[in-house]
Protein backbone atom coordinates (compact mmCIF):
# COMPACT_ATOMS: atom_id res chain seq x y z
CA MET A 1 -28.21 -15.04 39.47
CA LYS A 2 -28.33 -17.47 36.51
CA THR A 3 -27.93 -14.59 34.06
CA ARG A 4 -24.92 -13.32 36.01
CA LEU A 5 -23.27 -16.76 35.90
CA LEU A 6 -23.93 -17.00 32.16
CA LEU A 7 -22.17 -13.69 31.53
CA ILE A 8 -19.19 -14.59 33.75
CA THR A 9 -18.79 -17.95 32.02
CA ALA A 10 -18.98 -16.32 28.58
CA LEU A 11 -16.35 -13.77 29.53
CA MET A 12 -14.02 -16.51 30.78
CA LEU A 13 -14.44 -18.48 27.56
CA GLY A 14 -13.62 -15.41 25.50
CA THR A 15 -10.43 -14.82 27.49
CA MET A 16 -9.39 -18.48 27.32
CA ALA A 17 -9.79 -18.54 23.53
CA LEU A 18 -7.12 -15.88 23.10
CA SER A 19 -4.51 -17.98 24.88
CA ALA A 20 -4.48 -20.56 22.04
CA GLN A 21 -1.88 -20.60 19.29
CA ARG A 22 -2.61 -18.49 16.20
CA ARG A 23 -2.68 -20.29 12.89
CA ILE A 24 -0.76 -18.88 9.94
CA LEU A 25 -2.67 -19.24 6.68
CA ASN A 26 -0.80 -19.37 3.37
CA THR A 27 -3.24 -17.98 0.83
CA PRO A 28 -2.83 -16.89 -2.80
CA GLU A 29 -1.97 -13.25 -3.45
CA LEU A 30 -3.27 -10.71 -5.93
CA PRO A 31 -0.22 -8.74 -7.11
CA GLY A 32 -0.14 -5.28 -5.55
CA TYR A 33 -2.62 -6.13 -2.80
CA VAL A 34 -2.71 -7.55 0.72
CA THR A 35 -4.82 -10.69 1.21
CA LEU A 36 -7.15 -10.26 4.19
CA LYS A 37 -8.82 -13.40 5.57
CA CYS A 38 -12.33 -12.49 6.68
CA ASP A 39 -15.61 -13.80 8.10
CA PHE A 40 -18.48 -11.32 7.78
CA HIS A 41 -21.35 -13.41 9.16
CA MET A 42 -21.46 -14.65 12.75
CA HIS A 43 -23.72 -14.50 15.78
CA THR A 44 -23.47 -14.17 19.55
CA VAL A 45 -25.82 -14.36 22.54
CA PHE A 46 -27.13 -10.94 21.51
CA SER A 47 -29.24 -12.71 18.88
CA ASP A 48 -29.39 -16.48 18.32
CA GLY A 49 -25.74 -17.38 18.91
CA ASN A 50 -24.38 -19.29 21.89
CA VAL A 51 -21.18 -17.40 22.73
CA TRP A 52 -20.05 -14.04 24.12
CA PRO A 53 -18.70 -11.48 21.60
CA THR A 54 -15.07 -11.70 22.77
CA GLN A 55 -15.19 -15.42 22.01
CA ARG A 56 -15.70 -14.56 18.35
CA VAL A 57 -12.56 -12.44 18.43
CA GLY A 58 -10.60 -15.24 20.09
CA GLU A 59 -11.74 -17.76 17.52
CA ALA A 60 -10.84 -15.42 14.66
CA TRP A 61 -7.37 -14.76 16.07
CA ARG A 62 -6.69 -18.45 16.55
CA ASP A 63 -7.97 -19.27 13.05
CA GLY A 64 -5.63 -16.75 11.42
CA LEU A 65 -8.26 -14.25 10.31
CA ASP A 66 -7.62 -10.56 9.75
CA ALA A 67 -11.16 -9.18 9.87
CA ILE A 68 -14.58 -10.19 11.18
CA SER A 69 -18.05 -8.80 11.58
CA ILE A 70 -20.47 -9.86 14.30
CA THR A 71 -23.84 -9.66 12.56
CA ASP A 72 -26.49 -10.35 15.17
CA HIS A 73 -30.08 -10.26 13.96
CA ILE A 74 -32.07 -7.10 14.45
CA GLU A 75 -35.49 -8.75 14.25
CA TYR A 76 -34.71 -12.07 15.95
CA GLN A 77 -33.43 -12.13 19.54
CA PRO A 78 -34.41 -15.36 21.31
CA HIS A 79 -32.33 -14.48 24.41
CA LYS A 80 -33.83 -11.04 24.98
CA GLN A 81 -35.58 -12.07 28.20
CA TYR A 82 -32.09 -12.53 29.67
CA ILE A 83 -30.05 -9.99 27.67
CA PRO A 84 -31.19 -6.39 27.11
CA THR A 85 -31.63 -5.24 23.52
CA ASP A 86 -28.74 -3.13 22.26
CA HIS A 87 -27.90 -3.73 18.62
CA SER A 88 -24.41 -2.28 19.11
CA ALA A 89 -23.66 -4.33 22.24
CA ALA A 90 -21.61 -7.12 20.62
CA TRP A 91 -19.45 -4.57 18.78
CA LYS A 92 -18.95 -2.48 21.94
CA ILE A 93 -17.92 -5.54 23.95
CA ALA A 94 -15.60 -6.98 21.29
CA ARG A 95 -13.89 -3.85 19.95
CA ASN A 96 -11.18 -3.49 22.61
CA THR A 97 -10.29 -7.18 22.45
CA ALA A 98 -10.18 -6.98 18.65
CA ALA A 99 -7.83 -4.00 18.86
CA ASP A 100 -5.58 -5.84 21.33
CA TYR A 101 -5.25 -8.79 18.96
CA ASN A 102 -5.00 -6.84 15.72
CA ILE A 103 -8.32 -8.06 14.35
CA ILE A 104 -10.24 -5.59 12.18
CA LEU A 105 -13.76 -5.50 13.63
CA VAL A 106 -16.41 -4.40 11.13
CA LYS A 107 -19.60 -3.10 12.68
CA GLY A 108 -22.52 -4.98 11.18
CA THR A 109 -25.95 -6.47 11.66
CA GLU A 110 -28.30 -8.95 9.97
CA ILE A 111 -31.60 -7.76 8.56
CA THR A 112 -33.95 -10.70 8.93
CA ARG A 113 -36.94 -10.98 6.60
CA SER A 114 -38.83 -13.78 4.86
CA MET A 115 -38.11 -14.50 1.19
CA PRO A 116 -38.18 -12.24 -0.67
CA PRO A 117 -35.96 -10.42 0.18
CA GLY A 118 -34.54 -12.95 2.67
CA HIS A 119 -31.68 -12.16 5.05
CA LEU A 120 -29.12 -9.46 4.34
CA ASN A 121 -26.08 -8.25 6.26
CA ALA A 122 -25.35 -4.54 6.52
CA LEU A 123 -21.58 -4.13 7.01
CA PHE A 124 -19.55 -1.02 7.93
CA ILE A 125 -22.59 0.64 9.52
CA THR A 126 -22.41 3.15 12.35
CA GLU A 127 -25.77 2.90 14.11
CA PRO A 128 -27.67 -0.41 13.86
CA ASP A 129 -30.47 0.76 16.18
CA SER A 130 -31.56 3.19 13.46
CA LEU A 131 -32.29 0.18 11.23
CA VAL A 132 -35.21 -0.96 13.36
CA LYS A 133 -37.96 -0.20 10.84
CA ASP A 134 -40.90 -2.12 9.41
CA ASP A 135 -40.38 -1.01 5.80
CA PHE A 136 -37.57 -3.12 4.32
CA MET A 137 -36.49 -0.59 1.70
CA LYS A 138 -36.37 2.14 4.36
CA VAL A 139 -34.04 -0.11 6.38
CA ILE A 140 -31.68 -0.56 3.44
CA GLU A 141 -31.85 3.15 2.60
CA ALA A 142 -30.88 4.01 6.19
CA ALA A 143 -27.99 1.52 6.07
CA ILE A 144 -26.76 2.94 2.74
CA ALA A 145 -26.83 6.41 4.28
CA GLN A 146 -24.33 5.07 6.84
CA GLY A 147 -22.03 3.82 4.07
CA ALA A 148 -23.10 0.17 4.33
CA PHE A 149 -21.94 -2.71 2.17
CA ILE A 150 -25.08 -4.85 1.73
CA GLN A 151 -24.62 -8.61 1.41
CA TRP A 152 -27.44 -11.00 0.51
CA ASN A 153 -27.08 -14.02 2.79
CA HIS A 154 -27.59 -17.73 1.93
CA PRO A 155 -29.87 -17.13 -1.10
CA GLY A 156 -30.44 -20.87 -1.52
CA TRP A 157 -31.18 -21.60 2.16
CA LYS A 158 -33.85 -24.31 2.10
CA SER A 159 -35.78 -22.82 5.00
CA GLN A 160 -36.63 -19.96 2.66
CA GLN A 161 -35.98 -21.51 -0.75
CA PRO A 162 -37.13 -25.16 -0.41
CA ASP A 163 -35.48 -26.39 -3.62
CA GLY A 164 -32.15 -24.83 -2.63
CA ILE A 165 -31.87 -22.88 -5.90
CA PRO A 166 -31.07 -19.15 -5.54
CA ARG A 167 -33.39 -16.81 -7.42
CA MET A 168 -33.37 -13.08 -8.03
CA TYR A 169 -36.68 -11.48 -7.08
CA ASP A 170 -37.94 -8.04 -8.06
CA VAL A 171 -36.78 -6.61 -4.75
CA HIS A 172 -33.21 -7.77 -5.40
CA ARG A 173 -33.29 -6.29 -8.91
CA GLU A 174 -34.51 -3.04 -7.42
CA LEU A 175 -31.67 -3.04 -4.90
CA ILE A 176 -29.17 -3.65 -7.71
CA ALA A 177 -30.67 -0.90 -9.85
CA LYS A 178 -30.33 1.54 -6.94
CA GLY A 179 -26.76 0.40 -6.24
CA TRP A 180 -27.86 -0.88 -2.83
CA LEU A 181 -26.75 -4.51 -3.15
CA HIS A 182 -23.01 -5.15 -3.20
CA GLY A 183 -22.37 -8.87 -2.63
CA ILE A 184 -23.98 -12.30 -2.36
CA GLU A 185 -22.94 -15.29 -0.27
CA TYR A 186 -21.76 -18.05 -2.57
CA TYR A 187 -20.86 -20.09 0.50
CA ASN A 188 -22.65 -20.09 3.87
CA ASP A 189 -22.06 -22.43 6.81
CA VAL A 190 -21.69 -25.77 4.97
CA GLU A 191 -23.59 -24.96 1.77
CA TYR A 192 -22.57 -23.42 -1.52
CA TYR A 193 -24.74 -22.08 -4.33
CA PRO A 194 -23.12 -22.39 -7.81
CA LEU A 195 -25.57 -20.00 -9.49
CA VAL A 196 -24.38 -17.18 -7.25
CA MET A 197 -21.18 -17.00 -9.30
CA ASP A 198 -23.25 -16.10 -12.37
CA MET A 199 -25.44 -13.69 -10.40
CA CYS A 200 -22.38 -11.85 -9.13
CA ARG A 201 -20.67 -11.75 -12.53
CA ASP A 202 -23.80 -10.57 -14.36
CA ASN A 203 -24.57 -7.84 -11.82
CA ASN A 204 -21.05 -6.72 -10.84
CA LEU A 205 -21.37 -7.94 -7.26
CA ALA A 206 -18.75 -9.29 -4.87
CA VAL A 207 -18.57 -13.03 -4.24
CA MET A 208 -18.78 -13.71 -0.49
CA GLY A 209 -18.32 -16.73 1.79
CA ASN A 210 -18.79 -16.89 5.54
CA SER A 211 -19.30 -19.28 8.44
CA ASP A 212 -22.65 -17.94 9.72
CA ILE A 213 -21.47 -19.46 12.99
CA HIS A 214 -23.84 -19.68 15.94
CA GLY A 215 -22.02 -22.17 18.16
CA VAL A 216 -18.33 -22.72 18.87
CA ILE A 217 -16.37 -22.52 15.61
CA SER A 218 -13.92 -25.32 16.46
CA GLU A 219 -16.83 -27.68 17.09
CA GLU A 220 -18.76 -26.77 13.94
CA PHE A 221 -15.74 -26.92 11.62
CA ALA A 222 -13.74 -29.68 13.27
CA ALA A 223 -11.05 -31.88 11.73
CA PRO A 224 -10.91 -34.16 9.85
CA ALA A 225 -14.07 -33.11 8.04
CA TYR A 226 -12.89 -29.49 7.86
CA SER A 227 -9.34 -28.20 7.58
CA HIS A 228 -10.41 -24.60 8.20
CA ARG A 229 -13.47 -22.41 8.52
CA PRO A 230 -14.97 -20.91 5.33
CA MET A 231 -13.91 -17.34 4.65
CA THR A 232 -13.90 -14.44 2.24
CA LEU A 233 -10.50 -13.42 0.92
CA VAL A 234 -10.41 -9.67 0.34
CA PHE A 235 -7.57 -8.10 -1.64
CA ALA A 236 -6.96 -4.66 -0.14
CA ARG A 237 -4.35 -1.98 -0.65
CA GLU A 238 -3.51 -2.01 3.05
CA ARG A 239 -4.45 -3.90 6.19
CA THR A 240 -6.89 -1.24 7.38
CA LEU A 241 -10.64 -0.93 7.85
CA GLU A 242 -10.84 1.71 5.14
CA SER A 243 -8.89 -0.32 2.59
CA LEU A 244 -10.91 -3.43 3.43
CA LYS A 245 -14.15 -1.58 2.78
CA GLN A 246 -12.93 -0.10 -0.50
CA ALA A 247 -11.72 -3.48 -1.74
CA MET A 248 -15.13 -5.01 -1.08
CA PHE A 249 -16.91 -2.23 -2.94
CA ASP A 250 -14.40 -2.78 -5.76
CA ARG A 251 -15.36 -6.50 -5.74
CA ARG A 252 -11.82 -7.77 -5.10
CA THR A 253 -12.92 -10.92 -3.29
CA ALA A 254 -12.66 -14.70 -3.42
CA VAL A 255 -14.15 -17.47 -1.29
CA TRP A 256 -12.06 -20.21 0.31
CA TYR A 257 -13.95 -23.24 1.57
CA GLY A 258 -12.51 -26.71 2.07
CA ASP A 259 -9.99 -27.31 -0.72
CA ASN A 260 -11.86 -24.96 -3.06
CA LEU A 261 -11.52 -21.39 -4.20
CA ALA A 262 -14.32 -19.44 -5.92
CA ALA A 263 -13.58 -16.15 -7.70
CA MET A 264 -14.18 -14.29 -10.92
CA GLU A 265 -11.70 -15.38 -13.61
CA GLU A 266 -9.84 -12.07 -13.63
CA ILE A 267 -9.03 -12.60 -9.95
CA ALA A 268 -8.69 -16.40 -9.96
CA ALA A 269 -6.01 -16.48 -12.69
CA PRO A 270 -3.45 -14.27 -10.90
CA LEU A 271 -4.22 -16.01 -7.61
CA PHE A 272 -3.23 -19.34 -9.13
CA SER A 273 -0.12 -17.88 -10.73
CA SER A 274 0.97 -16.34 -7.43
CA VAL A 275 1.36 -19.71 -5.72
CA VAL A 276 1.96 -22.37 -8.41
CA LYS A 277 5.43 -22.15 -9.94
CA ALA A 278 7.13 -24.46 -12.44
CA GLY A 279 10.87 -25.01 -12.18
CA ALA A 280 13.35 -25.45 -15.01
CA PRO A 281 13.77 -29.00 -16.37
CA PHE A 282 16.27 -30.94 -14.29
CA LYS A 283 16.30 -33.93 -16.65
CA ASP A 284 16.10 -34.15 -20.44
CA ASP A 285 16.65 -37.50 -22.18
CA GLY A 286 15.95 -36.13 -25.63
CA LYS A 287 12.32 -37.31 -25.65
CA THR A 288 10.91 -36.33 -22.25
CA ILE A 289 11.64 -33.74 -19.62
CA LYS A 290 11.19 -33.66 -15.86
CA PHE A 291 10.52 -30.52 -13.86
CA GLU A 292 9.17 -29.57 -10.44
CA LEU A 293 5.77 -27.94 -9.90
CA VAL A 294 5.56 -26.19 -6.52
CA ASN A 295 2.51 -24.91 -4.63
CA SER A 296 3.21 -22.44 -1.80
CA SER A 297 -0.41 -22.10 -0.58
CA ASP A 298 -2.55 -24.08 1.85
CA ILE A 299 -4.88 -24.97 -1.03
CA PRO A 300 -4.04 -28.13 -3.01
CA MET A 301 -4.22 -27.49 -6.73
CA LYS A 302 -6.06 -30.17 -8.69
CA LEU A 303 -5.41 -30.05 -12.43
CA SER A 304 -7.21 -32.12 -15.05
CA GLY A 305 -7.63 -32.40 -18.82
CA GLY A 306 -3.93 -32.38 -19.63
CA PRO A 307 -2.81 -32.63 -23.28
CA GLN A 308 -1.37 -35.70 -24.96
CA GLY A 309 2.24 -36.20 -23.93
CA ALA A 310 1.66 -34.69 -20.47
CA PRO A 311 -0.02 -36.09 -17.34
CA ALA A 312 -3.80 -36.17 -17.70
CA THR A 313 -4.17 -35.03 -14.09
CA ILE A 314 -1.82 -33.38 -11.62
CA THR A 315 -2.45 -32.68 -7.95
CA VAL A 316 0.04 -30.30 -6.39
CA PRO A 317 -0.35 -30.72 -2.62
CA ALA A 318 -0.81 -27.78 -0.29
CA ARG A 319 2.65 -26.37 0.49
CA GLY A 320 4.07 -29.20 -1.58
CA MET A 321 5.71 -30.19 -4.84
CA VAL A 322 5.33 -32.79 -7.57
CA VAL A 323 7.65 -33.89 -10.35
CA VAL A 324 6.05 -33.62 -13.79
CA THR A 325 7.24 -35.85 -16.65
CA ALA A 326 6.17 -34.62 -20.07
CA ASP A 327 7.07 -34.70 -23.74
CA LYS A 328 9.99 -32.48 -24.70
CA LYS A 329 7.75 -30.47 -27.00
CA PHE A 330 6.42 -28.68 -23.94
CA LEU A 331 9.69 -26.80 -23.69
CA SER A 332 8.25 -24.58 -26.43
CA GLU A 333 4.48 -24.87 -25.94
CA PRO A 334 2.39 -24.73 -22.74
CA MET A 335 0.38 -27.55 -21.20
CA ALA A 336 -3.29 -26.55 -20.83
CA TYR A 337 -5.29 -27.69 -17.79
CA SER A 338 -8.49 -27.01 -15.90
CA VAL A 339 -8.16 -26.38 -12.18
CA ASP A 340 -10.92 -28.54 -10.74
CA ASN A 341 -11.06 -26.76 -7.39
CA ILE A 342 -10.99 -23.13 -8.59
CA ILE A 343 -14.55 -22.21 -9.57
CA THR A 344 -15.20 -19.21 -11.83
CA GLY A 345 -18.89 -19.77 -12.66
CA SER A 346 -21.79 -22.15 -12.18
CA ASN A 347 -20.40 -24.38 -14.94
CA SER A 348 -16.86 -23.10 -15.36
CA LEU A 349 -13.44 -23.77 -13.87
CA LEU A 350 -10.24 -21.80 -14.13
CA LYS A 351 -8.17 -22.64 -17.24
CA VAL A 352 -4.39 -22.41 -16.86
CA GLN A 353 -1.25 -23.08 -18.84
CA ILE A 354 1.80 -24.74 -17.31
CA SER A 355 5.26 -24.28 -18.81
CA PRO A 356 8.61 -25.28 -17.30
CA ALA A 357 10.82 -22.32 -16.49
CA ARG A 358 13.59 -21.52 -18.96
CA GLN A 359 17.09 -22.43 -17.87
């Protein structure tokens, strides 16, 4: 009877979540692509989470996401005395609700091992029950045979890496050599791992960021501490499952967490340019000029290191504008800045040049 009540309550919560208002997220764009807001790491009662699968869809819809993956653990199921083991159950339960609310639902699971290799998500799989194997490499091989995108989760998680510093082990190098590792979480839950940016750049892997949510998302990432849940931005040709998958294999990703964006420089630079625009000077007194700098995204842009004759720092608010006063010489030469909240490496920030538009 208690189990029955638990399931009924979970179903009601999932339905109630979809009645909330959907948030519209204004994110940077990569020219020629569609920006998909995604969370590829979350749990339900079918492993160690506390909610029913449709609740995850409701949360994603309300939070303005385009795609999610429910990645319940294969090897760790603390509720199995109440809930039968079926590694496809969460996907089966959530798929119709996801379709009704235009959420792309990626079939996935979490492979749960001690370090090394640690925890990895297998995304875009077809049959998670076939991944129940003792030999780790056989598990990954079976997932790859299903077309899986393999993501290494929270590589600096202190429960497995006590000093919090991500390290590549021989098993990870073997996966990379075989082409069986495709992305690493730079951001997980409330932690980020700067060295992951270098790992991804050096090994041609996608930069990933996810909530790893177990409880209720609005409680874990509540205002004012959090303005939104962490997510992976994927730049796809179209808003389809197939295009999403291809974009991830092509490493067209960025991570949005708090007021920060993490991406490889070749992606970060056009993202910044897509949302920060300088207007033409509206005042010129012969020595200085004034012009507007507009930011159309939900991410404030924090610039520092400005040249002499220009502001040392500029913060362009989210969906806001500032007036910049600078020396007239910048009509013919750009102002160079670092963007403090766009990370391109463990010790590097995006470098940009600001020039007022020509009249």
